[in-house]
Amino acid sequence: MDPFYSNIDDDAIKKEKSKARILRSSQWWKRRRSTGICHYCGEKSNPLELTMDHLIPISRGGKNNKGNVVPACKSCNNKKKYMLPTEWETHLETIDGVKPEG
């Protein structure tokens, strides 16, 4: 088994997705996305169009807490899918041939 994948059961995933719905409606999240800036590409967009992305995806053992969620544009969120931050950086390096900043 790949060491970067967890064996998460469906009930745990459902529980975390439920927590995500609650967090998305919180004032904290509304303030967090109010800048309208995507965590990944840095592009500015309408704050209401930003999605909640889990740095460590729920399906890979991530939790719904303020330290694990960031605002992301739909394009970046769709491209990142279930990647961990290190996998995402490697993916960007492969595509662009340039190491991302940060």
N, C-alpha and C. Protein backbone atom coordinates (compact mmCIF):
# COMPACT_ATOMS: atom_id res chain seq x y z
N MET A 1 0.84 -1.19 0.00
CA MET A 1 0.00 0.00 0.00
C MET A 1 0.88 1.25 0.00
N ASP A 2 0.48 2.25 -0.75
CA ASP A 2 1.21 3.51 -0.82
C ASP A 2 1.19 4.18 0.55
N PRO A 3 2.35 4.63 1.06
CA PRO A 3 2.40 5.21 2.41
C PRO A 3 1.66 6.54 2.53
N PHE A 4 1.32 7.15 1.40
CA PHE A 4 0.62 8.43 1.45
C PHE A 4 -0.89 8.28 1.37
N TYR A 5 -1.39 7.07 1.39
CA TYR A 5 -2.82 6.84 1.38
C TYR A 5 -3.24 6.19 2.68
N SER A 6 -4.36 6.65 3.21
CA SER A 6 -4.90 6.08 4.44
C SER A 6 -6.08 5.20 4.08
N ASN A 7 -6.36 4.28 4.94
CA ASN A 7 -7.53 3.44 4.76
C ASN A 7 -8.66 4.07 5.57
N ILE A 8 -9.37 5.01 4.95
CA ILE A 8 -10.44 5.75 5.61
C ILE A 8 -11.77 5.11 5.25
N ASP A 9 -12.59 4.81 6.26
CA ASP A 9 -13.87 4.18 5.96
C ASP A 9 -14.91 5.23 5.54
N ASP A 10 -15.95 4.75 4.87
CA ASP A 10 -16.97 5.64 4.32
C ASP A 10 -17.67 6.47 5.40
N ASP A 11 -17.88 5.90 6.58
CA ASP A 11 -18.55 6.64 7.65
C ASP A 11 -17.70 7.82 8.11
N ALA A 12 -16.40 7.63 8.19
CA ALA A 12 -15.50 8.72 8.59
C ALA A 12 -15.51 9.82 7.54
N ILE A 13 -15.54 9.45 6.28
CA ILE A 13 -15.59 10.44 5.19
C ILE A 13 -16.89 11.22 5.25
N LYS A 14 -18.01 10.53 5.46
CA LYS A 14 -19.31 11.21 5.57
C LYS A 14 -19.31 12.19 6.73
N LYS A 15 -18.73 11.78 7.85
CA LYS A 15 -18.68 12.65 9.04
C LYS A 15 -17.87 13.92 8.74
N GLU A 16 -16.72 13.77 8.09
CA GLU A 16 -15.89 14.93 7.77
C GLU A 16 -16.56 15.83 6.73
N LYS A 17 -17.26 15.26 5.77
CA LYS A 17 -17.98 16.07 4.77
C LYS A 17 -19.10 16.87 5.43
N SER A 18 -19.73 16.27 6.43
CA SER A 18 -20.76 16.97 7.18
C SER A 18 -20.16 18.16 7.92
N LYS A 19 -19.00 17.94 8.53
CA LYS A 19 -18.30 19.04 9.22
C LYS A 19 -17.92 20.13 8.24
N ALA A 20 -17.56 19.75 7.02
CA ALA A 20 -17.17 20.73 6.00
C ALA A 20 -18.35 21.65 5.66
N ARG A 21 -19.54 21.08 5.56
CA ARG A 21 -20.73 21.89 5.27
C ARG A 21 -20.95 22.93 6.37
N ILE A 22 -20.74 22.52 7.61
CA ILE A 22 -20.90 23.45 8.74
C ILE A 22 -19.82 24.53 8.68
N LEU A 23 -18.59 24.13 8.44
CA LEU A 23 -17.48 25.10 8.38
C LEU A 23 -17.69 26.09 7.24
N ARG A 24 -18.21 25.62 6.09
CA ARG A 24 -18.45 26.51 4.94
C ARG A 24 -19.45 27.61 5.26
N SER A 25 -20.36 27.36 6.18
CA SER A 25 -21.37 28.37 6.52
C SER A 25 -20.92 29.27 7.67
N SER A 26 -19.73 29.05 8.19
CA SER A 26 -19.26 29.85 9.33
C SER A 26 -18.74 31.22 8.91
N GLN A 27 -18.77 32.15 9.83
CA GLN A 27 -18.23 33.49 9.58
C GLN A 27 -16.74 33.43 9.32
N TRP A 28 -16.06 32.51 10.01
CA TRP A 28 -14.63 32.37 9.79
C TRP A 28 -14.35 32.09 8.32
N TRP A 29 -15.05 31.14 7.72
CA TRP A 29 -14.82 30.78 6.32
C TRP A 29 -15.19 31.93 5.39
N LYS A 30 -16.28 32.61 5.69
CA LYS A 30 -16.69 33.74 4.85
C LYS A 30 -15.63 34.83 4.86
N ARG A 31 -15.02 35.09 6.01
CA ARG A 31 -13.92 36.06 6.07
C ARG A 31 -12.69 35.55 5.33
N ARG A 32 -12.43 34.27 5.46
CA ARG A 32 -11.24 33.65 4.85
C ARG A 32 -11.28 33.77 3.33
N ARG A 33 -12.45 33.57 2.74
CA ARG A 33 -12.55 33.63 1.28
C ARG A 33 -12.83 35.04 0.77
N SER A 34 -13.09 35.98 1.68
CA SER A 34 -13.49 37.34 1.28
C SER A 34 -12.43 38.08 0.47
N THR A 35 -11.18 37.66 0.58
CA THR A 35 -10.13 38.31 -0.22
C THR A 35 -10.31 37.99 -1.70
N GLY A 36 -10.94 36.86 -1.98
CA GLY A 36 -11.16 36.45 -3.37
C GLY A 36 -9.91 35.90 -4.03
N ILE A 37 -8.89 35.57 -3.23
CA ILE A 37 -7.62 35.10 -3.80
C ILE A 37 -7.48 33.60 -3.60
N CYS A 38 -7.18 32.92 -4.71
CA CYS A 38 -6.96 31.47 -4.67
C CYS A 38 -5.64 31.18 -3.98
N HIS A 39 -5.66 30.24 -3.06
CA HIS A 39 -4.47 29.84 -2.32
C HIS A 39 -3.38 29.30 -3.25
N TYR A 40 -3.76 28.65 -4.33
CA TYR A 40 -2.81 27.98 -5.20
C TYR A 40 -2.24 28.86 -6.31
N CYS A 41 -3.09 29.50 -7.08
CA CYS A 41 -2.60 30.28 -8.23
C CYS A 41 -2.46 31.77 -7.93
N GLY A 42 -3.07 32.22 -6.83
CA GLY A 42 -2.98 33.63 -6.46
C GLY A 42 -3.87 34.56 -7.27
N GLU A 43 -4.67 34.00 -8.16
CA GLU A 43 -5.58 34.81 -8.97
C GLU A 43 -6.74 35.31 -8.12
N LYS A 44 -7.20 36.51 -8.44
CA LYS A 44 -8.33 37.10 -7.73
C LYS A 44 -9.60 36.80 -8.51
N SER A 45 -10.64 36.43 -7.78
CA SER A 45 -11.93 36.16 -8.39
C SER A 45 -13.03 36.55 -7.41
N ASN A 46 -14.24 36.37 -7.81
CA ASN A 46 -15.38 36.64 -6.93
C ASN A 46 -15.28 35.69 -5.74
N PRO A 47 -15.27 36.22 -4.52
CA PRO A 47 -15.15 35.35 -3.34
C PRO A 47 -16.19 34.23 -3.29
N LEU A 48 -17.38 34.48 -3.80
CA LEU A 48 -18.43 33.45 -3.78
C LEU A 48 -18.12 32.30 -4.73
N GLU A 49 -17.20 32.51 -5.65
CA GLU A 49 -16.83 31.46 -6.60
C GLU A 49 -15.70 30.58 -6.08
N LEU A 50 -15.06 30.98 -4.99
CA LEU A 50 -13.98 30.17 -4.43
C LEU A 50 -14.55 28.95 -3.72
N THR A 51 -13.86 27.85 -3.84
CA THR A 51 -14.27 26.62 -3.19
C THR A 51 -13.39 26.36 -1.97
N MET A 52 -13.86 25.49 -1.10
CA MET A 52 -13.07 25.10 0.06
C MET A 52 -12.25 23.88 -0.33
N ASP A 53 -10.94 24.02 -0.25
CA ASP A 53 -10.07 22.89 -0.56
C ASP A 53 -9.36 22.44 0.69
N HIS A 54 -9.25 21.15 0.85
CA HIS A 54 -8.53 20.57 1.98
C HIS A 54 -7.09 20.34 1.56
N LEU A 55 -6.15 20.95 2.26
CA LEU A 55 -4.73 20.75 1.95
C LEU A 55 -4.42 19.26 1.98
N ILE A 56 -4.83 18.60 3.04
CA ILE A 56 -4.76 17.14 3.10
C ILE A 56 -6.19 16.65 2.90
N PRO A 57 -6.47 16.06 1.75
CA PRO A 57 -7.84 15.67 1.43
C PRO A 57 -8.45 14.72 2.46
N ILE A 58 -9.75 14.83 2.62
CA ILE A 58 -10.49 13.98 3.55
C ILE A 58 -10.24 12.51 3.23
N SER A 59 -10.24 12.19 1.95
CA SER A 59 -10.06 10.78 1.55
C SER A 59 -8.67 10.25 1.87
N ARG A 60 -7.77 11.16 2.25
CA ARG A 60 -6.41 10.74 2.59
C ARG A 60 -6.09 11.01 4.06
N GLY A 61 -7.15 11.16 4.84
CA GLY A 61 -6.99 11.29 6.28
C GLY A 61 -7.06 12.71 6.81
N GLY A 62 -7.29 13.68 5.93
CA GLY A 62 -7.40 15.08 6.35
C GLY A 62 -8.66 15.33 7.15
N LYS A 63 -8.61 16.35 7.97
CA LYS A 63 -9.75 16.71 8.81
C LYS A 63 -10.26 18.08 8.42
N ASN A 64 -11.47 18.37 8.87
CA ASN A 64 -12.05 19.68 8.66
C ASN A 64 -11.71 20.55 9.84
N ASN A 65 -10.64 21.29 9.69
CA ASN A 65 -10.28 22.28 10.70
C ASN A 65 -9.67 23.47 9.98
N LYS A 66 -9.57 24.55 10.69
CA LYS A 66 -9.13 25.81 10.07
C LYS A 66 -7.72 25.73 9.50
N GLY A 67 -6.90 24.85 10.01
CA GLY A 67 -5.55 24.73 9.50
C GLY A 67 -5.43 23.86 8.26
N ASN A 68 -6.51 23.20 7.87
CA ASN A 68 -6.45 22.28 6.74
C ASN A 68 -7.29 22.71 5.54
N VAL A 69 -7.97 23.85 5.63
CA VAL A 69 -8.78 24.29 4.50
C VAL A 69 -8.32 25.65 4.01
N VAL A 70 -8.37 25.80 2.68
CA VAL A 70 -7.97 27.05 2.04
C VAL A 70 -8.96 27.37 0.93
N PRO A 71 -9.10 28.65 0.59
CA PRO A 71 -9.94 29.00 -0.56
C PRO A 71 -9.18 28.71 -1.85
N ALA A 72 -9.87 28.13 -2.80
CA ALA A 72 -9.25 27.80 -4.09
C ALA A 72 -10.24 28.06 -5.21
N CYS A 73 -9.72 28.50 -6.34
CA CYS A 73 -10.60 28.64 -7.50
C CYS A 73 -10.98 27.24 -7.97
N LYS A 74 -12.08 27.15 -8.68
CA LYS A 74 -12.55 25.83 -9.11
C LYS A 74 -11.53 25.14 -9.99
N SER A 75 -10.84 25.91 -10.81
CA SER A 75 -9.85 25.32 -11.72
C SER A 75 -8.73 24.64 -10.93
N CYS A 76 -8.16 25.34 -9.97
CA CYS A 76 -7.08 24.75 -9.16
C CYS A 76 -7.58 23.58 -8.33
N ASN A 77 -8.77 23.72 -7.76
CA ASN A 77 -9.32 22.65 -6.93
C ASN A 77 -9.53 21.40 -7.78
N ASN A 78 -10.03 21.56 -8.98
CA ASN A 78 -10.24 20.41 -9.86
C ASN A 78 -8.92 19.78 -10.30
N LYS A 79 -7.91 20.59 -10.51
CA LYS A 79 -6.61 20.06 -10.93
C LYS A 79 -5.91 19.35 -9.77
N LYS A 80 -6.03 19.90 -8.57
CA LYS A 80 -5.36 19.33 -7.41
C LYS A 80 -5.96 17.98 -7.02
N LYS A 81 -7.26 17.87 -7.13
CA LYS A 81 -7.99 16.65 -6.77
C LYS A 81 -7.61 16.15 -5.39
N TYR A 82 -7.02 14.97 -5.31
CA TYR A 82 -6.71 14.35 -4.02
C TYR A 82 -5.22 14.39 -3.69
N MET A 83 -4.51 15.32 -4.32
CA MET A 83 -3.07 15.40 -4.07
C MET A 83 -2.76 16.05 -2.73
N LEU A 84 -1.67 15.60 -2.13
CA LEU A 84 -1.12 16.25 -0.94
C LEU A 84 -0.33 17.47 -1.41
N PRO A 85 -0.05 18.43 -0.51
CA PRO A 85 0.71 19.62 -0.92
C PRO A 85 2.02 19.31 -1.64
N THR A 86 2.77 18.33 -1.20
CA THR A 86 4.03 17.99 -1.87
C THR A 86 3.79 17.42 -3.26
N GLU A 87 2.73 16.63 -3.41
CA GLU A 87 2.40 16.08 -4.72
C GLU A 87 1.96 17.19 -5.67
N TRP A 88 1.23 18.17 -5.15
CA TRP A 88 0.77 19.30 -5.96
C TRP A 88 1.98 20.10 -6.45
N GLU A 89 2.93 20.35 -5.57
CA GLU A 89 4.13 21.09 -5.97
C GLU A 89 4.90 20.33 -7.05
N THR A 90 5.03 19.03 -6.90
CA THR A 90 5.71 18.22 -7.90
C THR A 90 4.95 18.25 -9.22
N HIS A 91 3.64 18.21 -9.14
CA HIS A 91 2.79 18.29 -10.34
C HIS A 91 3.04 19.61 -11.07
N LEU A 92 3.08 20.70 -10.33
CA LEU A 92 3.32 22.01 -10.94
C LEU A 92 4.70 22.08 -11.58
N GLU A 93 5.69 21.52 -10.91
CA GLU A 93 7.05 21.50 -11.46
C GLU A 93 7.07 20.72 -12.77
N THR A 94 6.34 19.63 -12.83
CA THR A 94 6.30 18.80 -14.02
C THR A 94 5.64 19.54 -15.18
N ILE A 95 4.56 20.26 -14.88
CA ILE A 95 3.83 20.98 -15.92
C ILE A 95 4.61 22.21 -16.40
N ASP A 96 5.05 23.01 -15.44
CA ASP A 96 5.69 24.29 -15.77
C ASP A 96 7.20 24.20 -15.92
N GLY A 97 7.78 23.16 -15.35
CA GLY A 97 9.22 23.07 -15.36
C GLY A 97 9.86 24.07 -14.41
N VAL A 98 9.04 24.65 -13.54
CA VAL A 98 9.52 25.67 -12.59
C VAL A 98 9.04 25.30 -11.21
N LYS A 99 9.92 25.42 -10.23
CA LYS A 99 9.54 25.16 -8.83
C LYS A 99 8.67 26.31 -8.35
N PRO A 100 7.48 26.01 -7.75
CA PRO A 100 6.59 27.07 -7.26
C PRO A 100 7.21 27.82 -6.08
N GLU A 101 6.80 29.07 -5.92
CA GLU A 101 7.28 29.87 -4.79
C GLU A 101 6.54 29.45 -3.53
N GLY A 102 7.13 29.83 -2.38
CA GLY A 102 6.43 29.61 -1.12
C GLY A 102 6.90 28.44 -0.45
